[in-house]
Amino acid sequence: MAARYRATSTLPYLMRTLGNKESTKPAYRGTLPSLRRAFSLYDQINLIDNVPDDQLRFQGYTDTGFTVNGANYEGSLIAIGNLILSWSPKRISEVTPDSLAMFQLIRPIPEILLLGTGRQVQHVDPELRRFIRSTGMKLEAIDSRNAASTFNILNEEGRIVAAALLPYGVSS
């Protein structure tokens, strides 16, 4: 019981001490939070920044692109496991089964496709939903910021995941 009391009384001091240090990370316009840290009592201690160098990690976003592993990419992207590709659609109406045809060939099949629809969640055409289901994947259509964060978490867990992301500045 005494050890538990010491640990809980030390925690606020530790948090204040860590909070006073200046961050050495570059400031991006929109940094992507880690949901693991958001739900931790030790949110100033980032244990998951020790991600292997060869693993894709979305670090930030702008209205026109994304920052992945320290490199800036303009436009729409597809990320599958540790592979990143430029993608042609500029808005949600251009996302068609043809634009995602590569998922018929990719093995192993990702368990989920995170479709980043830009700044806001947008309606996905039922034909596109049927196509994604026919490939064996589940579809989650969410705003691009949250899609990138979710990709990071699932990828860090070692799950087979894919993301098709429109830039955050896309609104319709």
N, C-alpha and C. Protein backbone atom coordinates (compact mmCIF):
# COMPACT_ATOMS: atom_id res chain seq x y z
N MET A 1 0.82 -1.19 0.00
CA MET A 1 0.00 0.00 0.00
C MET A 1 0.87 1.25 0.00
N ALA A 2 1.97 1.22 0.76
CA ALA A 2 2.85 2.38 0.83
C ALA A 2 3.52 2.64 -0.51
N ALA A 3 3.87 1.56 -1.21
CA ALA A 3 4.50 1.72 -2.53
C ALA A 3 3.53 2.36 -3.51
N ARG A 4 2.28 1.96 -3.44
CA ARG A 4 1.26 2.54 -4.33
C ARG A 4 1.09 4.03 -4.04
N TYR A 5 1.08 4.41 -2.77
CA TYR A 5 0.94 5.82 -2.39
C TYR A 5 2.14 6.62 -2.91
N ARG A 6 3.36 6.07 -2.77
CA ARG A 6 4.55 6.76 -3.26
C ARG A 6 4.48 6.95 -4.77
N ALA A 7 4.04 5.92 -5.47
CA ALA A 7 3.96 6.00 -6.94
C ALA A 7 2.94 7.05 -7.36
N THR A 8 1.78 7.10 -6.72
CA THR A 8 0.77 8.08 -7.12
C THR A 8 1.13 9.49 -6.71
N SER A 9 1.90 9.64 -5.64
CA SER A 9 2.30 10.99 -5.23
C SER A 9 3.47 11.49 -6.07
N THR A 10 4.25 10.60 -6.65
CA THR A 10 5.39 10.99 -7.48
C THR A 10 4.95 11.34 -8.90
N LEU A 11 3.86 10.75 -9.36
CA LEU A 11 3.41 10.95 -10.73
C LEU A 11 3.20 12.42 -11.11
N PRO A 12 2.50 13.24 -10.31
CA PRO A 12 2.34 14.65 -10.70
C PRO A 12 3.68 15.38 -10.84
N TYR A 13 4.63 15.09 -9.96
CA TYR A 13 5.96 15.71 -10.05
C TYR A 13 6.64 15.30 -11.35
N LEU A 14 6.57 14.00 -11.68
CA LEU A 14 7.17 13.51 -12.90
C LEU A 14 6.54 14.18 -14.12
N MET A 15 5.23 14.32 -14.12
CA MET A 15 4.53 14.93 -15.26
C MET A 15 4.94 16.39 -15.42
N ARG A 16 5.05 17.14 -14.31
CA ARG A 16 5.48 18.54 -14.39
C ARG A 16 6.91 18.64 -14.92
N THR A 17 7.77 17.75 -14.44
CA THR A 17 9.17 17.77 -14.86
C THR A 17 9.30 17.49 -16.35
N LEU A 18 8.58 16.47 -16.83
CA LEU A 18 8.64 16.13 -18.24
C LEU A 18 7.98 17.20 -19.09
N GLY A 19 6.94 17.82 -18.59
CA GLY A 19 6.23 18.85 -19.35
C GLY A 19 7.04 20.11 -19.54
N ASN A 20 8.06 20.37 -18.72
CA ASN A 20 8.87 21.58 -18.85
C ASN A 20 9.93 21.47 -19.93
N LYS A 21 10.26 20.27 -20.35
CA LYS A 21 11.29 20.11 -21.38
C LYS A 21 10.72 20.54 -22.72
N GLU A 22 11.54 21.19 -23.52
CA GLU A 22 11.11 21.62 -24.84
C GLU A 22 11.13 20.44 -25.79
N SER A 23 10.17 20.38 -26.65
CA SER A 23 10.08 19.30 -27.62
C SER A 23 11.14 19.46 -28.69
N THR A 24 11.76 18.34 -29.06
CA THR A 24 12.78 18.38 -30.12
C THR A 24 12.19 17.94 -31.45
N LYS A 25 10.90 17.61 -31.47
CA LYS A 25 10.26 17.18 -32.71
C LYS A 25 9.95 18.40 -33.58
N PRO A 26 10.01 18.23 -34.92
CA PRO A 26 9.65 19.34 -35.78
C PRO A 26 8.17 19.65 -35.66
N ALA A 27 7.81 20.91 -35.79
CA ALA A 27 6.41 21.31 -35.69
C ALA A 27 5.76 21.21 -37.06
N TYR A 28 4.75 20.38 -37.20
CA TYR A 28 4.00 20.26 -38.43
C TYR A 28 2.71 21.04 -38.25
N ARG A 29 2.12 21.43 -39.35
CA ARG A 29 0.87 22.16 -39.27
C ARG A 29 -0.16 21.35 -38.51
N GLY A 30 -0.24 20.10 -38.82
CA GLY A 30 -1.17 19.22 -38.12
C GLY A 30 -0.47 17.95 -37.74
N THR A 31 -0.03 17.84 -36.53
CA THR A 31 0.61 16.60 -36.09
C THR A 31 -0.47 15.61 -35.72
N LEU A 32 -0.19 14.36 -35.98
CA LEU A 32 -1.16 13.32 -35.72
C LEU A 32 -0.92 12.74 -34.33
N PRO A 33 -1.92 12.80 -33.49
CA PRO A 33 -1.74 12.27 -32.14
C PRO A 33 -1.76 10.75 -32.15
N SER A 34 -1.12 10.16 -31.19
CA SER A 34 -1.19 8.72 -31.01
C SER A 34 -2.31 8.44 -30.03
N LEU A 35 -3.27 7.62 -30.42
CA LEU A 35 -4.39 7.31 -29.53
C LEU A 35 -3.92 6.52 -28.33
N ARG A 36 -2.84 5.76 -28.48
CA ARG A 36 -2.32 5.03 -27.33
C ARG A 36 -1.88 6.01 -26.25
N ARG A 37 -1.20 7.08 -26.64
CA ARG A 37 -0.76 8.07 -25.66
C ARG A 37 -1.95 8.83 -25.08
N ALA A 38 -2.96 9.07 -25.89
CA ALA A 38 -4.10 9.87 -25.44
C ALA A 38 -4.83 9.20 -24.29
N PHE A 39 -4.80 7.91 -24.21
CA PHE A 39 -5.52 7.20 -23.17
C PHE A 39 -4.61 6.73 -22.04
N SER A 40 -3.38 7.21 -22.01
CA SER A 40 -2.42 6.78 -21.01
C SER A 40 -2.27 7.84 -19.93
N LEU A 41 -2.07 7.41 -18.68
CA LEU A 41 -1.77 8.35 -17.61
C LEU A 41 -0.40 8.97 -17.81
N TYR A 42 0.44 8.30 -18.56
CA TYR A 42 1.81 8.76 -18.78
C TYR A 42 1.91 9.41 -20.15
N ASP A 43 1.00 10.32 -20.47
CA ASP A 43 0.94 10.85 -21.83
C ASP A 43 2.15 11.69 -22.22
N GLN A 44 3.02 12.04 -21.30
CA GLN A 44 4.23 12.76 -21.65
C GLN A 44 5.37 11.80 -22.00
N ILE A 45 5.19 10.52 -21.74
CA ILE A 45 6.22 9.53 -22.03
C ILE A 45 5.78 8.78 -23.27
N ASN A 46 6.45 8.97 -24.37
CA ASN A 46 6.06 8.35 -25.63
C ASN A 46 6.92 7.11 -25.86
N LEU A 47 6.34 5.96 -25.58
CA LEU A 47 7.07 4.72 -25.75
C LEU A 47 6.97 4.18 -27.17
N ILE A 48 6.05 4.69 -27.97
CA ILE A 48 5.86 4.12 -29.30
C ILE A 48 6.58 4.90 -30.39
N ASP A 49 7.41 5.88 -30.02
CA ASP A 49 8.22 6.52 -31.05
C ASP A 49 9.37 5.64 -31.49
N ASN A 50 9.58 4.53 -30.80
CA ASN A 50 10.63 3.59 -31.18
C ASN A 50 10.10 2.62 -32.24
N VAL A 51 9.53 3.17 -33.30
CA VAL A 51 9.00 2.38 -34.39
C VAL A 51 10.16 2.05 -35.33
N PRO A 52 10.25 0.81 -35.84
CA PRO A 52 11.34 0.48 -36.75
C PRO A 52 11.40 1.44 -37.94
N ASP A 53 12.63 1.71 -38.41
CA ASP A 53 12.83 2.67 -39.50
C ASP A 53 12.11 2.28 -40.79
N ASP A 54 11.92 0.98 -41.02
CA ASP A 54 11.30 0.54 -42.26
C ASP A 54 9.77 0.51 -42.18
N GLN A 55 9.19 0.92 -41.06
CA GLN A 55 7.74 0.89 -40.91
C GLN A 55 7.16 2.27 -41.22
N LEU A 56 6.12 2.29 -42.05
CA LEU A 56 5.47 3.55 -42.40
C LEU A 56 4.79 4.15 -41.19
N ARG A 57 4.96 5.47 -41.06
CA ARG A 57 4.30 6.19 -39.97
C ARG A 57 3.93 7.59 -40.47
N PHE A 58 2.63 7.88 -40.51
CA PHE A 58 2.17 9.22 -40.85
C PHE A 58 2.48 10.12 -39.68
N GLN A 59 3.20 11.22 -39.93
CA GLN A 59 3.61 12.12 -38.86
C GLN A 59 2.88 13.45 -38.91
N GLY A 60 2.33 13.80 -40.04
CA GLY A 60 1.64 15.07 -40.13
C GLY A 60 0.85 15.17 -41.43
N TYR A 61 0.14 16.27 -41.56
CA TYR A 61 -0.66 16.49 -42.75
C TYR A 61 -0.76 17.99 -43.01
N THR A 62 -1.05 18.33 -44.24
CA THR A 62 -1.37 19.70 -44.62
C THR A 62 -2.65 19.62 -45.45
N ASP A 63 -3.10 20.75 -45.95
CA ASP A 63 -4.28 20.73 -46.81
C ASP A 63 -4.02 20.04 -48.14
N THR A 64 -2.74 19.89 -48.51
CA THR A 64 -2.42 19.34 -49.83
C THR A 64 -1.65 18.02 -49.79
N GLY A 65 -1.29 17.53 -48.63
CA GLY A 65 -0.52 16.29 -48.58
C GLY A 65 -0.25 15.80 -47.18
N PHE A 66 0.77 14.94 -47.07
CA PHE A 66 1.06 14.26 -45.82
C PHE A 66 2.56 14.20 -45.59
N THR A 67 2.95 14.03 -44.33
CA THR A 67 4.34 13.78 -43.97
C THR A 67 4.41 12.35 -43.48
N VAL A 68 5.23 11.55 -44.16
CA VAL A 68 5.38 10.14 -43.82
C VAL A 68 6.85 9.85 -43.61
N ASN A 69 7.19 9.36 -42.44
CA ASN A 69 8.58 9.04 -42.09
C ASN A 69 9.53 10.19 -42.43
N GLY A 70 9.09 11.41 -42.16
CA GLY A 70 9.94 12.59 -42.36
C GLY A 70 9.94 13.14 -43.77
N ALA A 71 9.29 12.50 -44.71
CA ALA A 71 9.24 12.97 -46.10
C ALA A 71 7.86 13.56 -46.39
N ASN A 72 7.84 14.67 -47.10
CA ASN A 72 6.58 15.32 -47.46
C ASN A 72 6.09 14.79 -48.80
N TYR A 73 4.82 14.41 -48.85
CA TYR A 73 4.19 13.92 -50.06
C TYR A 73 3.00 14.82 -50.38
N GLU A 74 2.90 15.25 -51.62
CA GLU A 74 1.77 16.07 -52.06
C GLU A 74 0.74 15.20 -52.75
N GLY A 75 -0.52 15.51 -52.53
CA GLY A 75 -1.60 14.80 -53.20
C GLY A 75 -2.08 13.58 -52.42
N SER A 76 -2.90 12.80 -53.09
CA SER A 76 -3.50 11.60 -52.50
C SER A 76 -2.48 10.47 -52.43
N LEU A 77 -2.63 9.61 -51.42
CA LEU A 77 -1.70 8.51 -51.21
C LEU A 77 -2.45 7.22 -50.91
N ILE A 78 -1.81 6.11 -51.27
CA ILE A 78 -2.24 4.79 -50.81
C ILE A 78 -1.09 4.22 -50.01
N ALA A 79 -1.38 3.73 -48.82
CA ALA A 79 -0.38 3.08 -47.98
C ALA A 79 -0.87 1.67 -47.68
N ILE A 80 0.00 0.70 -47.95
CA ILE A 80 -0.33 -0.70 -47.69
C ILE A 80 0.85 -1.29 -46.93
N GLY A 81 0.62 -1.65 -45.70
CA GLY A 81 1.74 -2.18 -44.90
C GLY A 81 2.85 -1.15 -44.83
N ASN A 82 3.97 -1.44 -45.47
CA ASN A 82 5.11 -0.52 -45.49
C ASN A 82 5.40 0.02 -46.88
N LEU A 83 4.39 0.03 -47.73
CA LEU A 83 4.50 0.54 -49.09
C LEU A 83 3.65 1.78 -49.22
N ILE A 84 4.20 2.82 -49.87
CA ILE A 84 3.42 4.04 -50.08
C ILE A 84 3.43 4.36 -51.57
N LEU A 85 2.26 4.72 -52.09
CA LEU A 85 2.09 5.01 -53.52
C LEU A 85 1.33 6.31 -53.71
N SER A 86 1.67 7.02 -54.76
CA SER A 86 0.88 8.18 -55.15
C SER A 86 -0.42 7.65 -55.74
N TRP A 87 -1.50 8.40 -55.55
CA TRP A 87 -2.83 7.94 -55.97
C TRP A 87 -3.51 9.07 -56.71
N SER A 88 -4.19 8.79 -57.80
CA SER A 88 -4.70 9.85 -58.68
C SER A 88 -5.96 10.60 -58.22
N PRO A 89 -6.92 10.00 -57.50
CA PRO A 89 -8.13 10.77 -57.16
C PRO A 89 -7.83 12.05 -56.39
N LYS A 90 -8.56 13.10 -56.74
CA LYS A 90 -8.41 14.40 -56.07
C LYS A 90 -9.59 14.71 -55.15
N ARG A 91 -10.71 14.03 -55.35
CA ARG A 91 -11.89 14.20 -54.50
C ARG A 91 -12.65 12.86 -54.45
N ILE A 92 -13.58 12.77 -53.52
CA ILE A 92 -14.25 11.49 -53.24
C ILE A 92 -15.02 10.97 -54.46
N SER A 93 -15.53 11.85 -55.30
CA SER A 93 -16.27 11.39 -56.48
C SER A 93 -15.37 10.67 -57.48
N GLU A 94 -14.06 10.87 -57.39
CA GLU A 94 -13.11 10.21 -58.29
C GLU A 94 -12.62 8.86 -57.75
N VAL A 95 -13.03 8.53 -56.53
CA VAL A 95 -12.66 7.23 -55.96
C VAL A 95 -13.65 6.20 -56.48
N THR A 96 -13.15 5.32 -57.33
CA THR A 96 -13.99 4.31 -57.99
C THR A 96 -13.35 2.94 -57.82
N PRO A 97 -14.08 1.88 -58.17
CA PRO A 97 -13.45 0.56 -58.15
C PRO A 97 -12.19 0.50 -59.02
N ASP A 98 -12.18 1.21 -60.15
CA ASP A 98 -10.99 1.22 -61.00
C ASP A 98 -9.79 1.86 -60.30
N SER A 99 -10.03 2.91 -59.52
CA SER A 99 -8.92 3.58 -58.83
C SER A 99 -8.36 2.72 -57.69
N LEU A 100 -9.12 1.71 -57.26
CA LEU A 100 -8.68 0.82 -56.20
C LEU A 100 -8.48 -0.62 -56.69
N ALA A 101 -8.37 -0.79 -58.02
CA ALA A 101 -8.27 -2.13 -58.61
C ALA A 101 -7.05 -2.91 -58.12
N MET A 102 -6.00 -2.21 -57.67
CA MET A 102 -4.81 -2.92 -57.20
C MET A 102 -5.11 -3.86 -56.04
N PHE A 103 -6.18 -3.59 -55.30
CA PHE A 103 -6.51 -4.43 -54.16
C PHE A 103 -7.04 -5.81 -54.57
N GLN A 104 -7.33 -6.00 -55.86
CA GLN A 104 -7.69 -7.33 -56.34
C GLN A 104 -6.45 -8.20 -56.50
N LEU A 105 -5.27 -7.57 -56.58
CA LEU A 105 -4.03 -8.30 -56.82
C LEU A 105 -3.15 -8.47 -55.59
N ILE A 106 -3.29 -7.60 -54.63
CA ILE A 106 -2.38 -7.57 -53.49
C ILE A 106 -2.64 -8.76 -52.57
N ARG A 107 -1.55 -9.42 -52.20
CA ARG A 107 -1.60 -10.53 -51.25
C ARG A 107 -0.48 -10.34 -50.24
N PRO A 108 -0.67 -10.54 -48.98
CA PRO A 108 -1.93 -10.90 -48.35
C PRO A 108 -2.92 -9.74 -48.39
N ILE A 109 -4.17 -10.08 -48.37
CA ILE A 109 -5.23 -9.08 -48.45
C ILE A 109 -5.28 -8.31 -47.14
N PRO A 110 -5.23 -6.98 -47.20
CA PRO A 110 -5.39 -6.21 -45.95
C PRO A 110 -6.75 -6.50 -45.33
N GLU A 111 -6.80 -6.53 -44.01
CA GLU A 111 -8.08 -6.81 -43.35
C GLU A 111 -9.02 -5.61 -43.40
N ILE A 112 -8.45 -4.41 -43.54
CA ILE A 112 -9.29 -3.20 -43.56
C ILE A 112 -8.67 -2.17 -44.48
N LEU A 113 -9.53 -1.44 -45.18
CA LEU A 113 -9.11 -0.29 -45.97
C LEU A 113 -9.67 0.95 -45.29
N LEU A 114 -8.77 1.82 -44.88
CA LEU A 114 -9.16 3.09 -44.28
C LEU A 114 -9.22 4.12 -45.40
N LEU A 115 -10.41 4.58 -45.72
CA LEU A 115 -10.58 5.56 -46.78
C LEU A 115 -10.66 6.95 -46.15
N GLY A 116 -9.60 7.73 -46.33
CA GLY A 116 -9.57 9.10 -45.82
C GLY A 116 -10.25 10.02 -46.81
N THR A 117 -11.37 10.59 -46.42
CA THR A 117 -12.22 11.35 -47.34
C THR A 117 -11.95 12.85 -47.33
N GLY A 118 -10.81 13.28 -46.79
CA GLY A 118 -10.51 14.71 -46.74
C GLY A 118 -10.81 15.28 -45.37
N ARG A 119 -11.29 16.52 -45.36
CA ARG A 119 -11.54 17.21 -44.09
C ARG A 119 -12.73 16.64 -43.33
N GLN A 120 -13.75 16.17 -44.04
CA GLN A 120 -14.97 15.67 -43.41
C GLN A 120 -15.28 14.27 -43.92
N VAL A 121 -16.00 13.52 -43.10
CA VAL A 121 -16.46 12.21 -43.52
C VAL A 121 -17.49 12.42 -44.64
N GLN A 122 -17.33 11.68 -45.72
CA GLN A 122 -18.22 11.84 -46.86
C GLN A 122 -18.84 10.50 -47.23
N HIS A 123 -19.96 10.57 -47.90
CA HIS A 123 -20.69 9.38 -48.34
C HIS A 123 -19.86 8.59 -49.36
N VAL A 124 -19.85 7.27 -49.19
CA VAL A 124 -19.15 6.39 -50.12
C VAL A 124 -20.19 5.68 -50.99
N ASP A 125 -19.96 5.70 -52.28
CA ASP A 125 -20.86 5.09 -53.25
C ASP A 125 -21.08 3.60 -52.92
N PRO A 126 -22.32 3.11 -52.94
CA PRO A 126 -22.59 1.70 -52.64
C PRO A 126 -21.84 0.73 -53.56
N GLU A 127 -21.64 1.12 -54.82
CA GLU A 127 -20.86 0.28 -55.74
C GLU A 127 -19.43 0.10 -55.25
N LEU A 128 -18.84 1.18 -54.73
CA LEU A 128 -17.48 1.11 -54.20
C LEU A 128 -17.45 0.22 -52.95
N ARG A 129 -18.45 0.34 -52.10
CA ARG A 129 -18.52 -0.53 -50.91
C ARG A 129 -18.60 -2.00 -51.30
N ARG A 130 -19.42 -2.32 -52.32
CA ARG A 130 -19.53 -3.71 -52.79
C ARG A 130 -18.21 -4.20 -53.34
N PHE A 131 -17.52 -3.34 -54.09
CA PHE A 131 -16.22 -3.72 -54.65
C PHE A 131 -15.22 -4.04 -53.53
N ILE A 132 -15.13 -3.18 -52.54
CA ILE A 132 -14.19 -3.40 -51.43
C ILE A 132 -14.53 -4.70 -50.70
N ARG A 133 -15.80 -4.92 -50.46
CA ARG A 133 -16.23 -6.16 -49.80
C ARG A 133 -15.85 -7.38 -50.63
N SER A 134 -15.96 -7.27 -51.97
CA SER A 134 -15.64 -8.40 -52.84
C SER A 134 -14.15 -8.77 -52.81
N THR A 135 -13.30 -7.83 -52.41
CA THR A 135 -11.86 -8.12 -52.30
C THR A 135 -11.53 -8.82 -50.99
N GLY A 136 -12.48 -8.85 -50.05
CA GLY A 136 -12.24 -9.49 -48.76
C GLY A 136 -11.85 -8.51 -47.66
N MET A 137 -11.88 -7.22 -47.97
CA MET A 137 -11.52 -6.21 -46.97
C MET A 137 -12.78 -5.59 -46.38
N LYS A 138 -12.60 -5.00 -45.21
CA LYS A 138 -13.63 -4.15 -44.62
C LYS A 138 -13.29 -2.72 -44.99
N LEU A 139 -14.29 -1.87 -45.08
CA LEU A 139 -14.09 -0.47 -45.44
C LEU A 139 -14.48 0.42 -44.28
N GLU A 140 -13.59 1.35 -43.95
CA GLU A 140 -13.88 2.36 -42.93
C GLU A 140 -13.61 3.71 -43.58
N ALA A 141 -14.68 4.48 -43.85
CA ALA A 141 -14.55 5.80 -44.46
C ALA A 141 -14.61 6.85 -43.36
N ILE A 142 -13.49 7.55 -43.15
CA ILE A 142 -13.39 8.58 -42.12
C ILE A 142 -12.57 9.74 -42.66
N ASP A 143 -12.52 10.85 -41.93
CA ASP A 143 -11.72 11.98 -42.40
C ASP A 143 -10.25 11.56 -42.47
N SER A 144 -9.48 12.23 -43.32
CA SER A 144 -8.11 11.81 -43.60
C SER A 144 -7.19 11.87 -42.38
N ARG A 145 -7.38 12.84 -41.53
CA ARG A 145 -6.54 12.95 -40.33
C ARG A 145 -6.68 11.72 -39.45
N ASN A 146 -7.92 11.33 -39.17
CA ASN A 146 -8.17 10.16 -38.34
C ASN A 146 -7.81 8.86 -39.05
N ALA A 147 -7.96 8.83 -40.36
CA ALA A 147 -7.57 7.64 -41.12
C ALA A 147 -6.06 7.41 -41.00
N ALA A 148 -5.27 8.50 -41.10
CA ALA A 148 -3.82 8.37 -40.98
C ALA A 148 -3.43 7.92 -39.57
N SER A 149 -4.05 8.48 -38.55
CA SER A 149 -3.76 8.07 -37.17
C SER A 149 -4.13 6.61 -36.93
N THR A 150 -5.28 6.20 -37.43
CA THR A 150 -5.72 4.82 -37.27
C THR A 150 -4.78 3.87 -38.00
N PHE A 151 -4.32 4.27 -39.21
CA PHE A 151 -3.35 3.46 -39.93
C PHE A 151 -2.10 3.25 -39.08
N ASN A 152 -1.60 4.33 -38.47
CA ASN A 152 -0.40 4.22 -37.62
C ASN A 152 -0.59 3.19 -36.52
N ILE A 153 -1.71 3.27 -35.84
CA ILE A 153 -1.96 2.37 -34.71
C ILE A 153 -2.05 0.92 -35.18
N LEU A 154 -2.85 0.67 -36.21
CA LEU A 154 -3.02 -0.71 -36.68
C LEU A 154 -1.71 -1.26 -37.25
N ASN A 155 -0.96 -0.42 -37.95
CA ASN A 155 0.32 -0.84 -38.52
C ASN A 155 1.33 -1.15 -37.41
N GLU A 156 1.33 -0.33 -36.36
CA GLU A 156 2.23 -0.57 -35.22
C GLU A 156 1.90 -1.89 -34.53
N GLU A 157 0.63 -2.26 -34.55
CA GLU A 157 0.21 -3.52 -33.93
C GLU A 157 0.56 -4.72 -34.79
N GLY A 158 1.06 -4.47 -35.99
CA GLY A 158 1.44 -5.57 -36.88
C GLY A 158 0.29 -6.11 -37.70
N ARG A 159 -0.82 -5.40 -37.75
CA ARG A 159 -1.96 -5.85 -38.54
C ARG A 159 -1.76 -5.47 -39.99
N ILE A 160 -2.37 -6.23 -40.87
CA ILE A 160 -2.28 -5.95 -42.30
C ILE A 160 -3.39 -4.95 -42.61
N VAL A 161 -2.99 -3.72 -42.93
CA VAL A 161 -3.92 -2.62 -43.08
C VAL A 161 -3.53 -1.80 -44.30
N ALA A 162 -4.52 -1.18 -44.91
CA ALA A 162 -4.28 -0.29 -46.05
C ALA A 162 -5.03 1.01 -45.82
N ALA A 163 -4.49 2.09 -46.37
CA ALA A 163 -5.15 3.39 -46.29
C ALA A 163 -5.12 4.04 -47.67
N ALA A 164 -6.23 4.57 -48.09
CA ALA A 164 -6.33 5.38 -49.30
C ALA A 164 -6.77 6.77 -48.84
N LEU A 165 -5.86 7.73 -48.94
CA LEU A 165 -6.09 9.02 -48.31
C LEU A 165 -6.13 10.17 -49.32
N LEU A 166 -7.21 10.92 -49.27
CA LEU A 166 -7.28 12.18 -50.00
C LEU A 166 -6.68 13.25 -49.09
N PRO A 167 -6.07 14.31 -49.66
CA PRO A 167 -5.51 15.36 -48.80
C PRO A 167 -6.56 15.96 -47.88
N TYR A 168 -6.13 16.43 -46.73
CA TYR A 168 -7.02 16.94 -45.71
C TYR A 168 -7.82 18.16 -46.20
N GLY A 169 -7.29 18.93 -47.12
CA GLY A 169 -7.97 20.11 -47.61
C GLY A 169 -9.16 19.82 -48.51
N VAL A 170 -9.35 18.57 -48.92
CA VAL A 170 -10.48 18.20 -49.78
C VAL A 170 -11.75 18.27 -48.96
N SER A 171 -12.75 18.99 -49.47
CA SER A 171 -14.00 19.10 -48.71
C SER A 171 -15.20 18.49 -49.42
N SER A 172 -15.12 18.27 -50.73
CA SER A 172 -16.23 17.57 -51.40
C SER A 172 -15.78 17.02 -52.72
